[in-house]
Amino acid sequence: MKREVDLGAADSLVPGQRKLAFIDGRSVVVFNVEGSLHAVENSCPHNGASLASGRLEGNLITCPAHGLRFDLRTGCMPGAGGLCLSVLPVRTVDGKLMVEVEQA
């Protein structure tokens, strides 16, 4: 079962910014890339490192631990095969930033 979680005012996350949140014991990062919102679990699938402080270039986030890059639109590494992040649906509803998570 899924539910949406309110992460605050959508306009508080302007293009180029990111927001770290904790939902049901999980760490989630929401990125605003040129007006498009993307949410991923804050854990690199390679070794569990936090992605919150990773370098962002366009839609690509670089894991600060080992340099792996992931496309925030798909959650996957560019190219065929490779690892993928857990991507969460995110949207703006009535001025609020809403992230959809699986019910624990």
C-alpha atoms as a PDB file:
ATOM      1  CA  MET A   1       0.000   0.000   0.000  1.00  0.00           C
ATOM      2  CA  LYS A   2       1.287   3.476  -0.849  1.00  0.00           C
ATOM      3  CA  ARG A   3       0.853   6.840   0.805  1.00  0.00           C
ATOM      4  CA  GLU A   4       1.980  10.390   0.118  1.00  0.00           C
ATOM      5  CA  VAL A   5       4.110  12.255   2.652  1.00  0.00           C
ATOM      6  CA  ASP A   6       4.131  16.059   2.905  1.00  0.00           C
ATOM      7  CA  LEU A   7       7.700  17.414   2.910  1.00  0.00           C
ATOM      8  CA  GLY A   8       6.734  21.070   3.260  1.00  0.00           C
ATOM      9  CA  ALA A   9       6.287  23.994   0.925  1.00  0.00           C
ATOM     10  CA  ALA A  10       7.197  23.186  -2.672  1.00  0.00           C
ATOM     11  CA  ASP A  11       8.535  26.690  -3.298  1.00  0.00           C
ATOM     12  CA  SER A  12      11.168  26.148  -0.580  1.00  0.00           C
ATOM     13  CA  LEU A  13      12.990  23.813  -2.992  1.00  0.00           C
ATOM     14  CA  VAL A  14      14.138  26.085  -5.810  1.00  0.00           C
ATOM     15  CA  PRO A  15      15.988  24.869  -8.930  1.00  0.00           C
ATOM     16  CA  GLY A  16      19.460  23.640  -8.046  1.00  0.00           C
ATOM     17  CA  GLN A  17      18.562  22.758  -4.463  1.00  0.00           C
ATOM     18  CA  ARG A  18      18.065  19.439  -2.704  1.00  0.00           C
ATOM     19  CA  LYS A  19      16.221  18.441   0.445  1.00  0.00           C
ATOM     20  CA  LEU A  20      17.018  15.556   2.774  1.00  0.00           C
ATOM     21  CA  ALA A  21      14.085  13.971   4.606  1.00  0.00           C
ATOM     22  CA  PHE A  22      13.505  10.985   6.851  1.00  0.00           C
ATOM     23  CA  ILE A  23      10.330   9.000   6.145  1.00  0.00           C
ATOM     24  CA  ASP A  24       9.420   5.873   8.110  1.00  0.00           C
ATOM     25  CA  GLY A  25      13.067   5.314   9.044  1.00  0.00           C
ATOM     26  CA  ARG A  26      14.282   5.787   5.453  1.00  0.00           C
ATOM     27  CA  SER A  27      16.478   8.614   4.250  1.00  0.00           C
ATOM     28  CA  VAL A  28      15.198  10.285   1.056  1.00  0.00           C
ATOM     29  CA  VAL A  29      16.671  13.113  -1.040  1.00  0.00           C
ATOM     30  CA  VAL A  30      14.515  15.333  -3.252  1.00  0.00           C
ATOM     31  CA  PHE A  31      16.254  17.305  -6.012  1.00  0.00           C
ATOM     32  CA  ASN A  32      14.960  20.228  -8.047  1.00  0.00           C
ATOM     33  CA  VAL A  33      16.745  20.027 -11.400  1.00  0.00           C
ATOM     34  CA  GLU A  34      15.792  23.032 -13.531  1.00  0.00           C
ATOM     35  CA  GLY A  35      12.227  22.918 -12.187  1.00  0.00           C
ATOM     36  CA  SER A  36      11.813  19.122 -12.404  1.00  0.00           C
ATOM     37  CA  LEU A  37      11.484  17.269  -9.105  1.00  0.00           C
ATOM     38  CA  HIS A  38      13.218  13.934  -8.480  1.00  0.00           C
ATOM     39  CA  ALA A  39      13.235  11.845  -5.293  1.00  0.00           C
ATOM     40  CA  VAL A  40      15.519   8.902  -4.516  1.00  0.00           C
ATOM     41  CA  GLU A  41      16.393   6.875  -1.473  1.00  0.00           C
ATOM     42  CA  ASN A  42      19.561   8.333   0.017  1.00  0.00           C
ATOM     43  CA  SER A  43      21.616   5.178  -0.363  1.00  0.00           C
ATOM     44  CA  CYS A  44      23.963   4.231  -3.186  1.00  0.00           C
ATOM     45  CA  PRO A  45      23.175   0.663  -4.294  1.00  0.00           C
ATOM     46  CA  HIS A  46      26.900  -0.082  -4.542  1.00  0.00           C
ATOM     47  CA  ASN A  47      27.821   0.273  -0.884  1.00  0.00           C
ATOM     48  CA  GLY A  48      25.047   2.248   0.860  1.00  0.00           C
ATOM     49  CA  ALA A  49      26.827   5.627   0.886  1.00  0.00           C
ATOM     50  CA  SER A  50      24.737   8.777   1.289  1.00  0.00           C
ATOM     51  CA  LEU A  51      24.007  10.594  -1.972  1.00  0.00           C
ATOM     52  CA  ALA A  52      22.744  13.804  -0.338  1.00  0.00           C
ATOM     53  CA  SER A  53      26.075  15.598  -0.755  1.00  0.00           C
ATOM     54  CA  GLY A  54      26.892  14.136  -4.173  1.00  0.00           C
ATOM     55  CA  ARG A  55      27.856  16.387  -7.081  1.00  0.00           C
ATOM     56  CA  LEU A  56      24.903  17.150  -9.330  1.00  0.00           C
ATOM     57  CA  GLU A  57      25.490  17.792 -13.044  1.00  0.00           C
ATOM     58  CA  GLY A  58      22.225  18.181 -14.908  1.00  0.00           C
ATOM     59  CA  ASN A  59      20.217  15.061 -14.060  1.00  0.00           C
ATOM     60  CA  LEU A  60      23.289  13.057 -12.990  1.00  0.00           C
ATOM     61  CA  ILE A  61      24.163  12.618  -9.312  1.00  0.00           C
ATOM     62  CA  THR A  62      27.658  11.356  -8.456  1.00  0.00           C
ATOM     63  CA  CYS A  63      28.099   9.197  -5.361  1.00  0.00           C
ATOM     64  CA  PRO A  64      30.696  10.938  -3.169  1.00  0.00           C
ATOM     65  CA  ALA A  65      32.102   7.606  -1.925  1.00  0.00           C
ATOM     66  CA  HIS A  66      33.143   5.876  -5.164  1.00  0.00           C
ATOM     67  CA  GLY A  67      32.183   8.196  -8.021  1.00  0.00           C
ATOM     68  CA  LEU A  68      29.331   6.132  -9.491  1.00  0.00           C
ATOM     69  CA  ARG A  69      26.883   8.270 -11.463  1.00  0.00           C
ATOM     70  CA  PHE A  70      23.119   7.858 -11.600  1.00  0.00           C
ATOM     71  CA  ASP A  71      20.451   9.531 -13.737  1.00  0.00           C
ATOM     72  CA  LEU A  72      17.815  10.959 -11.379  1.00  0.00           C
ATOM     73  CA  ARG A  73      15.104  10.520 -14.039  1.00  0.00           C
ATOM     74  CA  THR A  74      15.518   6.730 -14.195  1.00  0.00           C
ATOM     75  CA  GLY A  75      17.561   6.021 -11.079  1.00  0.00           C
ATOM     76  CA  CYS A  76      19.990   3.974 -13.168  1.00  0.00           C
ATOM     77  CA  MET A  77      23.600   4.365 -14.192  1.00  0.00           C
ATOM     78  CA  PRO A  78      23.960   5.713 -17.755  1.00  0.00           C
ATOM     79  CA  GLY A  79      24.457   3.014 -20.399  1.00  0.00           C
ATOM     80  CA  ALA A  80      23.382  -0.598 -20.504  1.00  0.00           C
ATOM     81  CA  GLY A  81      23.209  -2.608 -17.287  1.00  0.00           C
ATOM     82  CA  GLY A  82      24.597  -1.246 -14.046  1.00  0.00           C
ATOM     83  CA  LEU A  83      23.092  -0.447 -10.696  1.00  0.00           C
ATOM     84  CA  CYS A  84      19.923   1.556 -10.047  1.00  0.00           C
ATOM     85  CA  LEU A  85      18.729   3.775  -7.215  1.00  0.00           C
ATOM     86  CA  SER A  86      15.289   3.444  -5.657  1.00  0.00           C
ATOM     87  CA  VAL A  87      13.263   6.252  -7.255  1.00  0.00           C
ATOM     88  CA  LEU A  88      10.194   7.612  -5.472  1.00  0.00           C
ATOM     89  CA  PRO A  89       7.302   9.455  -7.138  1.00  0.00           C
ATOM     90  CA  VAL A  90       7.303  13.151  -6.191  1.00  0.00           C
ATOM     91  CA  ARG A  91       4.915  15.951  -7.123  1.00  0.00           C
ATOM     92  CA  THR A  92       3.533  19.286  -6.028  1.00  0.00           C
ATOM     93  CA  VAL A  93      -0.001  19.317  -4.620  1.00  0.00           C
ATOM     94  CA  ASP A  94      -1.620  22.562  -3.453  1.00  0.00           C
ATOM     95  CA  GLY A  95       1.819  24.135  -3.002  1.00  0.00           C
ATOM     96  CA  LYS A  96       3.173  21.215  -0.996  1.00  0.00           C
ATOM     97  CA  LEU A  97       6.004  18.869  -1.877  1.00  0.00           C
ATOM     98  CA  MET A  98       4.584  15.327  -1.760  1.00  0.00           C
ATOM     99  CA  VAL A  99       6.616  12.086  -1.966  1.00  0.00           C
ATOM    100  CA  GLU A 100       4.959   8.696  -2.425  1.00  0.00           C
ATOM    101  CA  VAL A 101       6.302   5.858  -0.285  1.00  0.00           C
ATOM    102  CA  GLU A 102       5.395   2.236   0.330  1.00  0.00           C
ATOM    103  CA  GLN A 103       3.515   1.806   3.599  1.00  0.00           C
ATOM    104  CA  ALA A 104       5.738   0.036   6.130  1.00  0.00           C
END
